[in-house]
Every structure is written in C-alpha cells, then in structure tokens.
Amino acid sequence: MYEIHTFPFSANSFKPVLIAEELGIEYKHVVYNPKEGEHKNPEQAARHPLGKVPTMTHDDKSLFESATICRYLATVENSALLPSDAYGRAEVEQWMDFFSKHLGRWTTVLYFERKIKPILGREVNQETIEEAEGFGRDQAAAVDKILGEREYLCGAAVTLADIYAYAYMRDADGVGLSLDGYPNLKRWLEAIKARPGVARAEAKFGD
C-alpha cells in the first residue's frame, strides 16, 4: 500500500496525488495542517531530513522529493507515462527538470508571494513578483512555441512530464501569469485538466 503525505496546497504536494490518480492506484492520502505543525512529528522527521512534505511510504520504505516519488510510482506500476527506453525516459525527465527549475519555479514564486505571504501576514515583495513575471512570460513563450509543434511536451502521447508540469501551471492565471497570450500552452493545459485522473486529483486535493 502506498501512503502519500502532503499539505493541502502547493504544487509539490499535488504532484504525487496527480500521478497516483492518473495511474489509478490504491493509496492512503495523509494531509497535514502546516498551521498546526502537524508535519512536525517523529514519523515525518524520519521520512524527510528536513521534516517536509511531500513524502511517501511503500512497503515500509520512505521516499521524499516530489519528482522522485512521481518517477517511482510510474516505474513500480510499469506505466507508459515513463518510457522504458533511455532517450524517451531522459526526455521526460528533462521536462520535469525544466518545470522544476524554470517555468514552474516562477509560478511557485508568484504563488508564495501573492497567496501564501498574505495568509502568513508577511509583506509581499514587489521586486520578486516583477522578476518572476518577467522570467515566467519569457519561458511560457518558449513552451508555447514547442507546444505549437507537438501535442504534448514529449510528442504525441501524454507522459509523466505533462502531468507533473500541470501541477505548476494549473493556477497560472490565479497567481498573475496570464496564459491568454499563449494559446498552445493554454490548449495543452485544458487537455491535461480534462483527463479523468487529473479531475479526480483536483476533486480530492482542491485548491
């Protein structure tokens, strides 16, 4: 049995839930309330050296880092979402890295500045927002161009990279990175959102 531990928000927490629902596997979903410090317990400290989420246990073994968990799930379930050939797998992993380190990074920054900081009562940094918006627009344009040449990030079929990237891009408009100027990226986002597994994850995870 898989057990996935998350917060009730954040792209990183959402990724393993998305993949689990897309794969249609049975799992236990444990949601911690960060305001109450529920994740600061000995069990979670043993799963992650910093006591963070997401983490996952499977057959009494634990993993942390969302990308690692997602790849593990697809591998154990022998899913076509993660190709078995070396190049196909590397292409998927390259796009996962791209969203973690580039476009998804900036949507995460905007999410933290515009949604999380006000909840925490912290001052919003306008310079950080402007930087994130600038990089975000440039990188969204690059992805939009590529998606004008192919249906999904790695070609004609949905892969782990698409579901993983969706976690970052699902609320792009909501954090101030409008996709109106990127029709191919917007088309791709709607196509992923319409998948039954993604819809189940959205219903379970919420905002």
N, C-alpha and C. Protein backbone atom coordinates (compact mmCIF):
# COMPACT_ATOMS: atom_id res chain seq x y z
N MET A 1 0.85 -1.20 0.00
CA MET A 1 0.00 0.00 0.00
C MET A 1 0.88 1.25 0.00
N TYR A 2 0.52 2.17 -0.85
CA TYR A 2 1.20 3.47 -0.88
C TYR A 2 0.55 4.40 0.14
N GLU A 3 1.36 5.23 0.78
CA GLU A 3 0.84 6.26 1.68
C GLU A 3 1.54 7.56 1.32
N ILE A 4 0.76 8.55 0.88
CA ILE A 4 1.31 9.83 0.43
C ILE A 4 0.97 10.91 1.45
N HIS A 5 1.99 11.66 1.85
CA HIS A 5 1.83 12.69 2.88
C HIS A 5 2.02 14.07 2.25
N THR A 6 1.02 14.94 2.42
CA THR A 6 1.05 16.24 1.76
C THR A 6 0.56 17.35 2.67
N PHE A 7 0.71 18.58 2.17
CA PHE A 7 -0.01 19.74 2.69
C PHE A 7 -1.25 19.93 1.82
N PRO A 8 -2.23 20.70 2.29
CA PRO A 8 -3.45 20.91 1.49
C PRO A 8 -3.29 22.00 0.43
N PHE A 9 -2.07 22.25 0.01
CA PHE A 9 -1.80 23.22 -1.04
C PHE A 9 -0.40 22.94 -1.56
N SER A 10 0.04 23.67 -2.56
CA SER A 10 1.37 23.65 -3.17
C SER A 10 1.47 22.64 -4.29
N ALA A 11 2.17 23.06 -5.32
CA ALA A 11 2.37 22.21 -6.48
C ALA A 11 3.12 20.94 -6.10
N ASN A 12 4.11 21.05 -5.24
CA ASN A 12 4.89 19.87 -4.89
C ASN A 12 4.04 18.81 -4.20
N SER A 13 3.16 19.22 -3.33
CA SER A 13 2.28 18.26 -2.66
C SER A 13 1.28 17.64 -3.64
N PHE A 14 0.88 18.45 -4.64
CA PHE A 14 -0.15 17.98 -5.57
C PHE A 14 0.38 16.93 -6.55
N LYS A 15 1.67 17.01 -6.88
CA LYS A 15 2.23 16.13 -7.92
C LYS A 15 2.01 14.64 -7.64
N PRO A 16 2.39 14.11 -6.47
CA PRO A 16 2.20 12.68 -6.25
C PRO A 16 0.74 12.26 -6.27
N VAL A 17 -0.15 13.14 -5.80
CA VAL A 17 -1.58 12.83 -5.84
C VAL A 17 -2.05 12.76 -7.29
N LEU A 18 -1.61 13.69 -8.11
CA LEU A 18 -1.94 13.67 -9.53
C LEU A 18 -1.50 12.35 -10.18
N ILE A 19 -0.26 11.96 -9.95
CA ILE A 19 0.26 10.76 -10.57
C ILE A 19 -0.46 9.52 -10.06
N ALA A 20 -0.71 9.46 -8.77
CA ALA A 20 -1.41 8.31 -8.20
C ALA A 20 -2.81 8.16 -8.81
N GLU A 21 -3.52 9.28 -8.97
CA GLU A 21 -4.86 9.21 -9.56
C GLU A 21 -4.78 8.89 -11.05
N GLU A 22 -3.81 9.43 -11.73
CA GLU A 22 -3.64 9.13 -13.15
C GLU A 22 -3.35 7.65 -13.35
N LEU A 23 -2.58 7.06 -12.45
CA LEU A 23 -2.26 5.64 -12.55
C LEU A 23 -3.41 4.75 -12.07
N GLY A 24 -4.34 5.34 -11.33
CA GLY A 24 -5.48 4.57 -10.84
C GLY A 24 -5.11 3.59 -9.74
N ILE A 25 -4.13 3.94 -8.92
CA ILE A 25 -3.68 3.02 -7.88
C ILE A 25 -4.38 3.31 -6.55
N GLU A 26 -4.37 2.33 -5.69
CA GLU A 26 -4.92 2.49 -4.35
C GLU A 26 -3.84 3.09 -3.45
N TYR A 27 -4.19 4.10 -2.69
CA TYR A 27 -3.23 4.72 -1.79
C TYR A 27 -3.95 5.42 -0.64
N LYS A 28 -3.24 5.64 0.44
CA LYS A 28 -3.75 6.40 1.56
C LYS A 28 -3.18 7.80 1.47
N HIS A 29 -4.04 8.79 1.59
CA HIS A 29 -3.62 10.19 1.47
C HIS A 29 -3.67 10.83 2.86
N VAL A 30 -2.51 11.19 3.36
CA VAL A 30 -2.41 11.83 4.68
C VAL A 30 -2.13 13.31 4.47
N VAL A 31 -3.03 14.17 4.93
CA VAL A 31 -2.89 15.61 4.75
C VAL A 31 -2.57 16.25 6.09
N TYR A 32 -1.43 16.95 6.14
CA TYR A 32 -1.02 17.65 7.36
C TYR A 32 -1.44 19.11 7.30
N ASN A 33 -1.80 19.64 8.44
CA ASN A 33 -2.12 21.07 8.56
C ASN A 33 -0.85 21.79 9.01
N PRO A 34 -0.21 22.55 8.09
CA PRO A 34 1.06 23.20 8.46
C PRO A 34 0.89 24.26 9.54
N LYS A 35 -0.29 24.91 9.58
CA LYS A 35 -0.51 25.94 10.59
C LYS A 35 -0.45 25.36 12.00
N GLU A 36 -0.86 24.09 12.11
CA GLU A 36 -0.85 23.42 13.40
C GLU A 36 0.45 22.66 13.64
N GLY A 37 1.33 22.69 12.63
CA GLY A 37 2.60 21.98 12.77
C GLY A 37 2.45 20.47 12.82
N GLU A 38 1.38 19.96 12.17
CA GLU A 38 1.11 18.53 12.24
C GLU A 38 2.21 17.68 11.60
N HIS A 39 2.95 18.28 10.66
CA HIS A 39 4.02 17.54 10.00
C HIS A 39 5.28 17.42 10.85
N LYS A 40 5.32 18.17 11.94
CA LYS A 40 6.49 18.13 12.81
C LYS A 40 6.33 17.02 13.84
N ASN A 41 6.43 15.81 13.36
CA ASN A 41 6.29 14.64 14.22
C ASN A 41 7.45 13.68 13.94
N PRO A 42 7.73 12.78 14.83
CA PRO A 42 8.88 11.88 14.64
C PRO A 42 8.80 11.04 13.37
N GLU A 43 7.59 10.62 13.00
CA GLU A 43 7.44 9.80 11.80
C GLU A 43 7.85 10.57 10.55
N GLN A 44 7.38 11.82 10.45
CA GLN A 44 7.71 12.63 9.27
C GLN A 44 9.19 13.03 9.28
N ALA A 45 9.73 13.27 10.44
CA ALA A 45 11.15 13.60 10.54
C ALA A 45 12.01 12.43 10.06
N ALA A 46 11.52 11.22 10.25
CA ALA A 46 12.25 10.03 9.80
C ALA A 46 12.14 9.85 8.29
N ARG A 47 11.07 10.39 7.69
CA ARG A 47 10.87 10.24 6.24
C ARG A 47 11.65 11.28 5.45
N HIS A 48 11.80 12.47 6.02
CA HIS A 48 12.46 13.57 5.31
C HIS A 48 13.46 14.23 6.26
N PRO A 49 14.69 14.44 5.82
CA PRO A 49 15.69 15.01 6.73
C PRO A 49 15.35 16.40 7.25
N LEU A 50 14.46 17.12 6.53
CA LEU A 50 14.02 18.44 6.97
C LEU A 50 12.59 18.43 7.49
N GLY A 51 11.99 17.26 7.55
CA GLY A 51 10.63 17.14 8.03
C GLY A 51 9.58 17.73 7.11
N LYS A 52 9.90 17.84 5.82
CA LYS A 52 8.99 18.47 4.86
C LYS A 52 8.08 17.45 4.17
N VAL A 53 7.16 17.97 3.39
CA VAL A 53 6.32 17.15 2.53
C VAL A 53 6.47 17.66 1.09
N PRO A 54 6.15 16.83 0.10
CA PRO A 54 5.55 15.51 0.21
C PRO A 54 6.57 14.42 0.51
N THR A 55 6.06 13.38 1.13
CA THR A 55 6.82 12.15 1.28
C THR A 55 5.88 10.99 0.95
N MET A 56 6.45 9.81 0.80
CA MET A 56 5.63 8.64 0.51
C MET A 56 6.26 7.42 1.16
N THR A 57 5.44 6.53 1.66
CA THR A 57 5.92 5.24 2.12
C THR A 57 5.31 4.16 1.25
N HIS A 58 6.08 3.11 1.02
CA HIS A 58 5.63 1.96 0.24
C HIS A 58 6.41 0.74 0.73
N ASP A 59 5.68 -0.27 1.15
CA ASP A 59 6.32 -1.48 1.68
C ASP A 59 7.33 -1.15 2.77
N ASP A 60 6.91 -0.25 3.66
CA ASP A 60 7.71 0.15 4.83
C ASP A 60 8.99 0.90 4.48
N LYS A 61 9.08 1.40 3.26
CA LYS A 61 10.22 2.22 2.87
C LYS A 61 9.71 3.60 2.49
N SER A 62 10.51 4.63 2.75
CA SER A 62 10.08 6.01 2.52
C SER A 62 10.89 6.69 1.44
N LEU A 63 10.24 7.64 0.78
CA LEU A 63 10.89 8.48 -0.22
C LEU A 63 10.44 9.92 -0.02
N PHE A 64 11.32 10.86 -0.39
CA PHE A 64 10.93 12.26 -0.40
C PHE A 64 11.37 12.87 -1.72
N GLU A 65 10.98 14.12 -1.96
CA GLU A 65 11.14 14.87 -3.21
C GLU A 65 10.08 14.42 -4.22
N SER A 66 9.28 15.39 -4.64
CA SER A 66 8.11 15.08 -5.47
C SER A 66 8.46 14.40 -6.79
N ALA A 67 9.53 14.85 -7.46
CA ALA A 67 9.90 14.24 -8.74
C ALA A 67 10.29 12.79 -8.56
N THR A 68 11.04 12.51 -7.50
CA THR A 68 11.45 11.13 -7.21
C THR A 68 10.25 10.25 -6.94
N ILE A 69 9.32 10.75 -6.15
CA ILE A 69 8.11 9.98 -5.84
C ILE A 69 7.31 9.69 -7.11
N CYS A 70 7.16 10.70 -7.96
CA CYS A 70 6.39 10.52 -9.20
C CYS A 70 7.04 9.49 -10.12
N ARG A 71 8.36 9.58 -10.28
CA ARG A 71 9.06 8.60 -11.12
C ARG A 71 8.95 7.20 -10.54
N TYR A 72 9.05 7.11 -9.23
CA TYR A 72 8.96 5.81 -8.57
C TYR A 72 7.60 5.17 -8.82
N LEU A 73 6.54 5.95 -8.63
CA LEU A 73 5.20 5.43 -8.85
C LEU A 73 5.02 4.91 -10.27
N ALA A 74 5.46 5.69 -11.24
CA ALA A 74 5.32 5.28 -12.64
C ALA A 74 6.16 4.04 -12.95
N THR A 75 7.33 3.96 -12.33
CA THR A 75 8.21 2.81 -12.56
C THR A 75 7.64 1.54 -11.95
N VAL A 76 7.24 1.61 -10.68
CA VAL A 76 6.70 0.43 -10.00
C VAL A 76 5.43 -0.07 -10.68
N GLU A 77 4.61 0.85 -11.15
CA GLU A 77 3.37 0.48 -11.82
C GLU A 77 3.56 0.16 -13.30
N ASN A 78 4.81 0.21 -13.75
CA ASN A 78 5.14 -0.11 -15.14
C ASN A 78 4.27 0.68 -16.11
N SER A 79 4.17 1.99 -15.85
CA SER A 79 3.30 2.85 -16.63
C SER A 79 3.98 3.39 -17.88
N ALA A 80 3.20 3.50 -18.95
CA ALA A 80 3.70 4.10 -20.19
C ALA A 80 3.96 5.59 -20.02
N LEU A 81 3.52 6.17 -18.92
CA LEU A 81 3.80 7.59 -18.67
C LEU A 81 5.31 7.85 -18.58
N LEU A 82 6.07 6.82 -18.21
CA LEU A 82 7.52 6.94 -18.14
C LEU A 82 8.12 5.89 -19.08
N PRO A 83 8.55 6.30 -20.27
CA PRO A 83 9.05 5.35 -21.27
C PRO A 83 10.20 4.49 -20.72
N SER A 84 10.30 3.28 -21.24
CA SER A 84 11.34 2.35 -20.80
C SER A 84 12.65 2.56 -21.53
N ASP A 85 12.61 3.15 -22.74
CA ASP A 85 13.85 3.37 -23.47
C ASP A 85 14.59 4.56 -22.90
N ALA A 86 15.91 4.53 -23.01
CA ALA A 86 16.76 5.53 -22.35
C ALA A 86 16.46 6.95 -22.82
N TYR A 87 16.33 7.14 -24.13
CA TYR A 87 16.09 8.51 -24.62
C TYR A 87 14.71 9.00 -24.21
N GLY A 88 13.70 8.16 -24.37
CA GLY A 88 12.35 8.56 -24.01
C GLY A 88 12.24 8.94 -22.55
N ARG A 89 12.90 8.16 -21.69
CA ARG A 89 12.88 8.48 -20.25
C ARG A 89 13.62 9.79 -19.99
N ALA A 90 14.77 9.96 -20.64
CA ALA A 90 15.54 11.19 -20.44
C ALA A 90 14.76 12.42 -20.89
N GLU A 91 14.01 12.29 -21.97
CA GLU A 91 13.21 13.42 -22.47
C GLU A 91 12.14 13.81 -21.45
N VAL A 92 11.50 12.81 -20.88
CA VAL A 92 10.51 13.08 -19.83
C VAL A 92 11.17 13.77 -18.64
N GLU A 93 12.31 13.25 -18.22
CA GLU A 93 12.99 13.82 -17.06
C GLU A 93 13.50 15.24 -17.33
N GLN A 94 13.88 15.50 -18.58
CA GLN A 94 14.35 16.85 -18.89
C GLN A 94 13.22 17.86 -18.73
N TRP A 95 12.01 17.51 -19.14
CA TRP A 95 10.89 18.43 -19.00
C TRP A 95 10.45 18.56 -17.55
N MET A 96 10.56 17.49 -16.79
CA MET A 96 10.29 17.60 -15.35
C MET A 96 11.28 18.57 -14.71
N ASP A 97 12.55 18.45 -15.08
CA ASP A 97 13.57 19.37 -14.56
C ASP A 97 13.30 20.80 -15.01
N PHE A 98 12.87 20.96 -16.26
CA PHE A 98 12.60 22.29 -16.80
C PHE A 98 11.54 23.00 -15.96
N PHE A 99 10.46 22.30 -15.66
CA PHE A 99 9.40 22.95 -14.90
C PHE A 99 9.80 23.15 -13.44
N SER A 100 10.59 22.24 -12.89
CA SER A 100 11.04 22.41 -11.51
C SER A 100 11.97 23.61 -11.37
N LYS A 101 12.84 23.82 -12.36
CA LYS A 101 13.90 24.82 -12.24
C LYS A 101 13.63 26.11 -12.99
N HIS A 102 12.65 26.10 -13.89
CA HIS A 102 12.41 27.29 -14.70
C HIS A 102 10.95 27.75 -14.59
N LEU A 103 10.11 27.39 -15.55
CA LEU A 103 8.75 27.96 -15.57
C LEU A 103 7.96 27.65 -14.30
N GLY A 104 8.02 26.41 -13.83
CA GLY A 104 7.32 26.07 -12.60
C GLY A 104 7.88 26.78 -11.38
N ARG A 105 9.17 27.04 -11.43
CA ARG A 105 9.79 27.78 -10.33
C ARG A 105 9.14 29.15 -10.18
N TRP A 106 8.90 29.82 -11.31
CA TRP A 106 8.37 31.18 -11.23
C TRP A 106 6.90 31.21 -10.86
N THR A 107 6.13 30.22 -11.28
CA THR A 107 4.74 30.17 -10.82
C THR A 107 4.69 29.90 -9.32
N THR A 108 5.64 29.12 -8.83
CA THR A 108 5.71 28.85 -7.39
C THR A 108 6.05 30.12 -6.62
N VAL A 109 6.98 30.91 -7.15
CA VAL A 109 7.34 32.18 -6.51
C VAL A 109 6.11 33.10 -6.45
N LEU A 110 5.40 33.19 -7.56
CA LEU A 110 4.21 34.04 -7.59
C LEU A 110 3.14 33.55 -6.63
N TYR A 111 2.99 32.24 -6.55
CA TYR A 111 2.02 31.65 -5.63
C TYR A 111 2.38 32.03 -4.19
N PHE A 112 3.65 31.91 -3.85
CA PHE A 112 4.08 32.22 -2.49
C PHE A 112 3.89 33.70 -2.17
N GLU A 113 4.27 34.55 -3.12
CA GLU A 113 4.17 35.99 -2.87
C GLU A 113 2.72 36.45 -2.78
N ARG A 114 1.89 35.96 -3.69
CA ARG A 114 0.53 36.50 -3.80
C ARG A 114 -0.50 35.77 -2.94
N LYS A 115 -0.25 34.51 -2.62
CA LYS A 115 -1.27 33.75 -1.88
C LYS A 115 -0.83 33.35 -0.48
N ILE A 116 0.42 32.94 -0.35
CA ILE A 116 0.87 32.44 0.95
C ILE A 116 1.29 33.57 1.89
N LYS A 117 2.06 34.52 1.39
CA LYS A 117 2.53 35.61 2.26
C LYS A 117 1.38 36.37 2.93
N PRO A 118 0.30 36.71 2.20
CA PRO A 118 -0.80 37.40 2.88
C PRO A 118 -1.42 36.56 4.00
N ILE A 119 -1.48 35.25 3.82
CA ILE A 119 -2.01 34.38 4.86
C ILE A 119 -1.11 34.41 6.09
N LEU A 120 0.19 34.47 5.83
CA LEU A 120 1.16 34.47 6.92
C LEU A 120 1.36 35.84 7.54
N GLY A 121 0.72 36.86 6.91
CA GLY A 121 0.87 38.21 7.42
C GLY A 121 2.22 38.82 7.11
N ARG A 122 2.85 38.33 6.04
CA ARG A 122 4.17 38.84 5.65
C ARG A 122 4.05 39.80 4.48
N GLU A 123 4.99 40.72 4.40
CA GLU A 123 4.96 41.73 3.34
C GLU A 123 5.32 41.12 1.98
N VAL A 124 4.52 41.46 0.98
CA VAL A 124 4.77 40.98 -0.37
C VAL A 124 5.93 41.77 -0.98
N ASN A 125 6.82 41.07 -1.68
CA ASN A 125 7.99 41.69 -2.30
C ASN A 125 7.69 41.95 -3.77
N GLN A 126 7.44 43.21 -4.11
CA GLN A 126 7.06 43.55 -5.47
C GLN A 126 8.18 43.30 -6.47
N GLU A 127 9.41 43.50 -6.07
CA GLU A 127 10.54 43.24 -6.97
C GLU A 127 10.61 41.76 -7.33
N THR A 128 10.37 40.91 -6.36
CA THR A 128 10.37 39.47 -6.60
C THR A 128 9.25 39.09 -7.56
N ILE A 129 8.08 39.71 -7.39
CA ILE A 129 6.95 39.46 -8.27
C ILE A 129 7.28 39.86 -9.70
N GLU A 130 7.86 41.03 -9.87
CA GLU A 130 8.19 41.51 -11.22
C GLU A 130 9.23 40.62 -11.88
N GLU A 131 10.20 40.16 -11.12
CA GLU A 131 11.21 39.25 -11.66
C GLU A 131 10.56 37.95 -12.11
N ALA A 132 9.70 37.39 -11.26
CA ALA A 132 9.03 36.13 -11.58
C ALA A 132 8.13 36.27 -12.80
N GLU A 133 7.42 37.38 -12.88
CA GLU A 133 6.54 37.60 -14.04
C GLU A 133 7.35 37.71 -15.32
N GLY A 134 8.49 38.39 -15.27
CA GLY A 134 9.33 38.55 -16.45
C GLY A 134 9.87 37.23 -16.95
N PHE A 135 10.49 36.46 -16.06
CA PHE A 135 11.01 35.15 -16.45
C PHE A 135 9.86 34.22 -16.86
N GLY A 136 8.75 34.30 -16.13
CA GLY A 136 7.61 33.44 -16.43
C GLY A 136 7.07 33.68 -17.83
N ARG A 137 6.93 34.94 -18.23
CA ARG A 137 6.43 35.24 -19.57
C ARG A 137 7.38 34.74 -20.65
N ASP A 138 8.66 34.97 -20.46
CA ASP A 138 9.65 34.52 -21.45
C ASP A 138 9.63 33.00 -21.59
N GLN A 139 9.57 32.29 -20.48
CA GLN A 139 9.61 30.84 -20.52
C GLN A 139 8.29 30.24 -21.00
N ALA A 140 7.18 30.90 -20.67
CA ALA A 140 5.89 30.45 -21.19
C ALA A 140 5.85 30.57 -22.71
N ALA A 141 6.45 31.63 -23.23
CA ALA A 141 6.50 31.81 -24.69
C ALA A 141 7.31 30.69 -25.34
N ALA A 142 8.40 30.28 -24.70
CA ALA A 142 9.23 29.21 -25.25
C ALA A 142 8.47 27.89 -25.27
N VAL A 143 7.75 27.59 -24.18
CA VAL A 143 6.96 26.35 -24.12
C VAL A 143 5.80 26.41 -25.11
N ASP A 144 5.18 27.58 -25.23
CA ASP A 144 4.08 27.75 -26.17
C ASP A 144 4.53 27.44 -27.60
N LYS A 145 5.72 27.87 -27.95
CA LYS A 145 6.25 27.60 -29.29
C LYS A 145 6.42 26.11 -29.53
N ILE A 146 6.96 25.42 -28.55
CA ILE A 146 7.16 23.97 -28.68
C ILE A 146 5.82 23.25 -28.76
N LEU A 147 4.85 23.68 -27.96
CA LEU A 147 3.54 23.04 -27.99
C LEU A 147 2.75 23.40 -29.25
N GLY A 148 3.24 24.33 -30.01
CA GLY A 148 2.67 24.60 -31.32
C GLY A 148 3.13 23.59 -32.36
N GLU A 149 4.17 22.84 -32.01
CA GLU A 149 4.74 21.85 -32.93
C GLU A 149 4.42 20.42 -32.54
N ARG A 150 3.91 20.22 -31.33
CA ARG A 150 3.57 18.88 -30.85
C ARG A 150 2.40 18.98 -29.90
N GLU A 151 1.72 17.89 -29.69
CA GLU A 151 0.52 17.91 -28.86
C GLU A 151 0.85 18.00 -27.37
N TYR A 152 1.88 17.25 -26.97
CA TYR A 152 2.27 17.23 -25.56
C TYR A 152 3.77 17.54 -25.46
N LEU A 153 4.28 17.64 -24.27
CA LEU A 153 5.65 18.08 -24.07
C LEU A 153 6.68 17.19 -24.77
N CYS A 154 6.41 15.89 -24.79
CA CYS A 154 7.37 14.96 -25.38
C CYS A 154 6.90 14.38 -26.72
N GLY A 155 5.83 14.91 -27.27
CA GLY A 155 5.38 14.41 -28.56
C GLY A 155 3.88 14.19 -28.63
N ALA A 156 3.48 13.06 -29.22
CA ALA A 156 2.06 12.81 -29.48
C ALA A 156 1.33 12.18 -28.30
N ALA A 157 2.06 11.69 -27.30
CA ALA A 157 1.43 11.00 -26.18
C ALA A 157 1.69 11.72 -24.86
N VAL A 158 0.73 11.62 -23.96
CA VAL A 158 0.88 12.17 -22.61
C VAL A 158 1.95 11.36 -21.87
N THR A 159 2.81 12.06 -21.16
CA THR A 159 3.82 11.39 -20.33
C THR A 159 3.77 11.95 -18.92
N LEU A 160 4.62 11.39 -18.09
CA LEU A 160 4.75 11.86 -16.72
C LEU A 160 5.06 13.35 -16.68
N ALA A 161 5.81 13.83 -17.66
CA ALA A 161 6.19 15.24 -17.69
C ALA A 161 4.97 16.15 -17.77
N ASP A 162 3.98 15.78 -18.56
CA ASP A 162 2.78 16.60 -18.72
C ASP A 162 1.99 16.69 -17.42
N ILE A 163 1.80 15.54 -16.76
CA ILE A 163 1.02 15.54 -15.52
C ILE A 163 1.77 16.30 -14.44
N TYR A 164 3.08 16.11 -14.39
CA TYR A 164 3.94 16.78 -13.42
C TYR A 164 3.91 18.30 -13.64
N ALA A 165 4.03 18.72 -14.88
CA ALA A 165 4.04 20.15 -15.19
C ALA A 165 2.70 20.80 -14.91
N TYR A 166 1.63 20.04 -15.08
CA TYR A 166 0.28 20.57 -14.82
C TYR A 166 0.16 21.09 -13.38
N ALA A 167 0.82 20.42 -12.44
CA ALA A 167 0.73 20.84 -11.04
C ALA A 167 1.21 22.28 -10.87
N TYR A 168 2.19 22.69 -11.65
CA TYR A 168 2.70 24.05 -11.59
C TYR A 168 1.79 25.04 -12.33
N MET A 169 1.22 24.59 -13.45
CA MET A 169 0.56 25.52 -14.36
C MET A 169 -0.95 25.64 -14.15
N ARG A 170 -1.52 24.78 -13.34
CA ARG A 170 -2.98 24.74 -13.18
C ARG A 170 -3.56 26.07 -12.70
N ASP A 171 -2.79 26.82 -11.91
CA ASP A 171 -3.29 28.09 -11.36
C ASP A 171 -2.44 29.26 -11.81
N ALA A 172 -1.87 29.14 -13.01
CA ALA A 172 -1.01 30.22 -13.51
C ALA A 172 -1.76 31.55 -13.57
N ASP A 173 -2.97 31.52 -14.12
CA ASP A 173 -3.76 32.75 -14.19
C ASP A 173 -4.03 33.31 -12.80
N GLY A 174 -4.30 32.41 -11.85
CA GLY A 174 -4.64 32.82 -10.50
C GLY A 174 -3.51 33.49 -9.75
N VAL A 175 -2.27 33.20 -10.16
CA VAL A 175 -1.13 33.83 -9.48
C VAL A 175 -0.56 34.98 -10.28
N GLY A 176 -1.22 35.33 -11.38
CA GLY A 176 -0.82 36.51 -12.13
C GLY A 176 0.01 36.27 -13.36
N LEU A 177 0.14 35.00 -13.80
CA LEU A 177 0.83 34.71 -15.05
C LEU A 177 -0.23 34.29 -16.06
N SER A 178 -0.83 35.28 -16.72
CA SER A 178 -1.91 35.00 -17.65
C SER A 178 -1.42 34.19 -18.84
N LEU A 179 -2.20 33.19 -19.22
CA LEU A 179 -1.87 32.35 -20.37
C LEU A 179 -2.62 32.77 -21.62
N ASP A 180 -3.31 33.90 -21.56
CA ASP A 180 -4.10 34.35 -22.71
C ASP A 180 -3.24 34.57 -23.95
N GLY A 181 -2.00 34.95 -23.76
CA GLY A 181 -1.12 35.19 -24.91
C GLY A 181 -0.39 33.96 -25.39
N TYR A 182 -0.70 32.81 -24.81
CA TYR A 182 -0.01 31.57 -25.15
C TYR A 182 -1.04 30.48 -25.48
N PRO A 183 -1.63 30.54 -26.67
CA PRO A 183 -2.74 29.64 -27.00
C PRO A 183 -2.39 28.16 -26.98
N ASN A 184 -1.18 27.82 -27.36
CA ASN A 184 -0.80 26.40 -27.37
C ASN A 184 -0.62 25.87 -25.95
N LEU A 185 -0.03 26.67 -25.10
CA LEU A 185 0.13 26.30 -23.70
C LEU A 185 -1.24 26.19 -23.02
N LYS A 186 -2.12 27.09 -23.36
CA LYS A 186 -3.46 27.07 -22.78
C LYS A 186 -4.24 25.85 -23.27
N ARG A 187 -4.11 25.52 -24.54
CA ARG A 187 -4.75 24.31 -25.09
C ARG A 187 -4.25 23.07 -24.40
N TRP A 188 -2.93 22.99 -24.21
CA TRP A 188 -2.32 21.85 -23.53
C TRP A 188 -2.85 21.73 -22.10
N LEU A 189 -2.91 22.85 -21.39
CA LEU A 189 -3.37 22.85 -20.00
C LEU A 189 -4.80 22.32 -19.89
N GLU A 190 -5.66 22.76 -20.80
CA GLU A 190 -7.05 22.30 -20.78
C GLU A 190 -7.15 20.82 -21.10
N ALA A 191 -6.30 20.34 -21.98
CA ALA A 191 -6.31 18.91 -22.34
C ALA A 191 -5.90 18.05 -21.14
N ILE A 192 -4.90 18.48 -20.40
CA ILE A 192 -4.48 17.72 -19.22
C ILE A 192 -5.54 17.80 -18.13
N LYS A 193 -6.10 18.97 -17.94
CA LYS A 193 -7.13 19.16 -16.92
C LYS A 193 -8.34 18.26 -17.15
N ALA A 194 -8.64 17.97 -18.42
CA ALA A 194 -9.82 17.17 -18.77
C ALA A 194 -9.63 15.67 -18.57
N ARG A 195 -8.42 15.24 -18.28
CA ARG A 195 -8.18 13.81 -18.08
C ARG A 195 -8.87 13.33 -16.80
N PRO A 196 -9.51 12.16 -16.83
CA PRO A 196 -10.25 11.68 -15.65
C PRO A 196 -9.41 11.59 -14.39
N GLY A 197 -8.17 11.11 -14.52
CA GLY A 197 -7.32 11.01 -13.34
C GLY A 197 -6.99 12.36 -12.74
N VAL A 198 -6.76 13.33 -13.60
CA VAL A 198 -6.48 14.69 -13.14
C VAL A 198 -7.71 15.29 -12.47
N ALA A 199 -8.88 15.04 -13.04
CA ALA A 199 -10.12 15.54 -12.45
C ALA A 199 -10.34 14.93 -11.06
N ARG A 200 -10.02 13.64 -10.90
CA ARG A 200 -10.15 13.02 -9.58
C ARG A 200 -9.19 13.64 -8.58
N ALA A 201 -7.97 13.92 -9.04
CA ALA A 201 -6.99 14.54 -8.15
C ALA A 201 -7.43 15.94 -7.75
N GLU A 202 -7.97 16.69 -8.69
CA GLU A 202 -8.46 18.03 -8.39
C GLU A 202 -9.56 17.98 -7.34
N ALA A 203 -10.46 17.02 -7.48
CA ALA A 203 -11.57 16.90 -6.54
C ALA A 203 -11.08 16.52 -5.15
N LYS A 204 -10.02 15.70 -5.10
CA LYS A 204 -9.50 15.25 -3.81
C LYS A 204 -8.61 16.30 -3.16
N PHE A 205 -7.81 16.98 -3.95
CA PHE A 205 -6.82 17.90 -3.43
C PHE A 205 -7.39 19.29 -3.22
N GLY A 206 -8.24 19.75 -4.15
CA GLY A 206 -8.80 21.08 -4.04
C GLY A 206 -7.78 22.13 -4.34
N ASP A 207 -7.99 23.34 -3.87
CA ASP A 207 -7.10 24.47 -4.11
C ASP A 207 -5.98 24.55 -3.09
